[in-house]
Amino acid sequence: MDEHPKRHRRDPVESPEDIAYILDTVSDKVPSMIKGIIGAFFSPEAAKDMAKSVAEFRNTLIEGGISEKDAMEMTREYMRTVTNWKSVVGDIKVGDHRYKDE
């Protein structure tokens, strides 16, 4: 059995060993969570989904009566927004782990 049983989040931390256990747990779980989130943005499947999303966005604008010129500009802005978000996520660094480089 685990020497550190699950605790209620309001229970006080009682010893340095408790803190070490918590930090070990976080350092084990957080990097893989972040890697999974980043993978959702940068995988081939994510790129394909993004392309579909951009095309659908543009088509919806045009079908809604927006001019081709305005729809293209709005689509570019939409892509910049998505790209900027991906850049922020891609620059995440936790401890010695830099996920953009992986």
Protein backbone atom coordinates (compact mmCIF):
# COMPACT_ATOMS: atom_id res chain seq x y z
CA MET A 1 0.00 0.00 0.00
CA ASP A 2 1.16 3.53 -0.72
CA GLU A 3 2.88 5.06 2.28
CA HIS A 4 1.22 8.38 1.39
CA PRO A 5 -2.52 7.78 1.22
CA LYS A 6 -4.79 10.15 -0.64
CA ARG A 7 -5.45 13.26 1.37
CA HIS A 8 -8.25 15.73 1.37
CA ARG A 9 -7.01 18.96 -0.19
CA ARG A 10 -7.81 20.90 2.98
CA ASP A 11 -5.72 18.61 5.19
CA PRO A 12 -2.58 20.38 6.38
CA VAL A 13 0.80 19.29 5.05
CA GLU A 14 2.51 17.89 8.08
CA SER A 15 6.07 17.12 7.08
CA PRO A 16 8.80 17.76 4.52
CA GLU A 17 8.20 14.20 3.31
CA ASP A 18 4.60 15.14 2.51
CA ILE A 19 5.83 18.10 0.47
CA ALA A 20 8.39 15.94 -1.31
CA TYR A 21 5.70 13.38 -2.13
CA ILE A 22 3.41 16.09 -3.50
CA LEU A 23 6.19 17.58 -5.64
CA ASP A 24 7.20 14.15 -6.94
CA THR A 25 3.60 13.46 -7.91
CA VAL A 26 3.24 16.82 -9.66
CA SER A 27 6.55 16.44 -11.49
CA ASP A 28 5.46 13.01 -12.73
CA LYS A 29 1.98 13.98 -13.91
CA VAL A 30 2.15 17.59 -15.11
CA PRO A 31 4.72 17.10 -17.91
CA SER A 32 2.70 14.31 -19.51
CA MET A 33 -0.48 16.38 -19.23
CA ILE A 34 1.19 19.33 -20.94
CA LYS A 35 2.67 17.09 -23.62
CA GLY A 36 -0.81 15.74 -24.31
CA ILE A 37 -2.26 19.24 -24.59
CA ILE A 38 0.51 20.33 -26.93
CA GLY A 39 0.05 17.18 -29.00
CA ALA A 40 -3.57 18.14 -29.45
CA PHE A 41 -2.41 21.36 -31.12
CA PHE A 42 0.53 20.15 -33.20
CA SER A 43 -0.38 16.66 -34.37
CA PRO A 44 -1.10 15.92 -38.06
CA GLU A 45 -4.70 15.30 -37.07
CA ALA A 46 -4.86 18.72 -35.38
CA ALA A 47 -3.47 20.36 -38.53
CA LYS A 48 -6.09 18.63 -40.65
CA ASP A 49 -8.84 19.70 -38.24
CA MET A 50 -7.55 23.27 -38.27
CA ALA A 51 -7.60 23.37 -42.06
CA LYS A 52 -11.18 22.13 -42.07
CA SER A 53 -12.11 24.68 -39.44
CA VAL A 54 -10.57 27.56 -41.40
CA ALA A 55 -12.26 26.47 -44.63
CA GLU A 56 -15.61 26.14 -42.85
CA PHE A 57 -15.15 29.55 -41.23
CA ARG A 58 -14.47 31.20 -44.60
CA ASN A 59 -17.33 29.40 -46.35
CA THR A 60 -19.76 30.35 -43.60
CA LEU A 61 -18.80 34.01 -43.91
CA ILE A 62 -19.30 33.98 -47.68
CA GLU A 63 -22.60 32.09 -47.39
CA GLY A 64 -23.68 34.70 -44.85
CA GLY A 65 -23.20 37.48 -47.37
CA ILE A 66 -19.71 38.70 -46.46
CA SER A 67 -17.71 39.78 -49.49
CA GLU A 68 -14.85 37.53 -50.67
CA LYS A 69 -12.32 40.23 -49.77
CA ASP A 70 -13.69 40.76 -46.24
CA ALA A 71 -14.13 37.03 -45.68
CA MET A 72 -10.49 36.44 -46.61
CA GLU A 73 -9.29 39.15 -44.22
CA MET A 74 -11.47 37.78 -41.43
CA THR A 75 -10.19 34.29 -42.17
CA ARG A 76 -6.58 35.51 -41.95
CA GLU A 77 -7.35 37.10 -38.58
CA TYR A 78 -8.96 33.86 -37.43
CA MET A 79 -5.82 31.95 -38.45
CA ARG A 80 -3.60 34.47 -36.63
CA THR A 81 -5.65 33.98 -33.48
CA VAL A 82 -5.35 30.19 -33.67
CA THR A 83 -1.65 30.40 -34.53
CA ASN A 84 -0.93 32.78 -31.64
CA TRP A 85 -2.62 30.40 -29.21
CA LYS A 86 -0.58 27.50 -30.54
CA SER A 87 2.58 29.58 -30.11
CA VAL A 88 1.77 30.32 -26.47
CA VAL A 89 1.12 26.66 -25.76
CA GLY A 90 4.23 25.64 -27.69
CA ASP A 91 6.47 27.82 -25.53
CA ILE A 92 5.51 26.13 -22.27
CA LYS A 93 8.44 25.17 -20.09
CA VAL A 94 8.12 23.33 -16.78
CA GLY A 95 11.35 22.90 -14.86
CA ASP A 96 13.93 21.50 -17.27
CA HIS A 97 11.25 20.31 -19.70
CA ARG A 98 10.77 22.43 -22.82
CA TYR A 99 7.94 20.97 -24.85
CA LYS A 100 8.42 22.98 -28.03
CA ASP A 101 11.66 21.12 -28.68
CA GLU A 102 10.19 17.61 -28.32
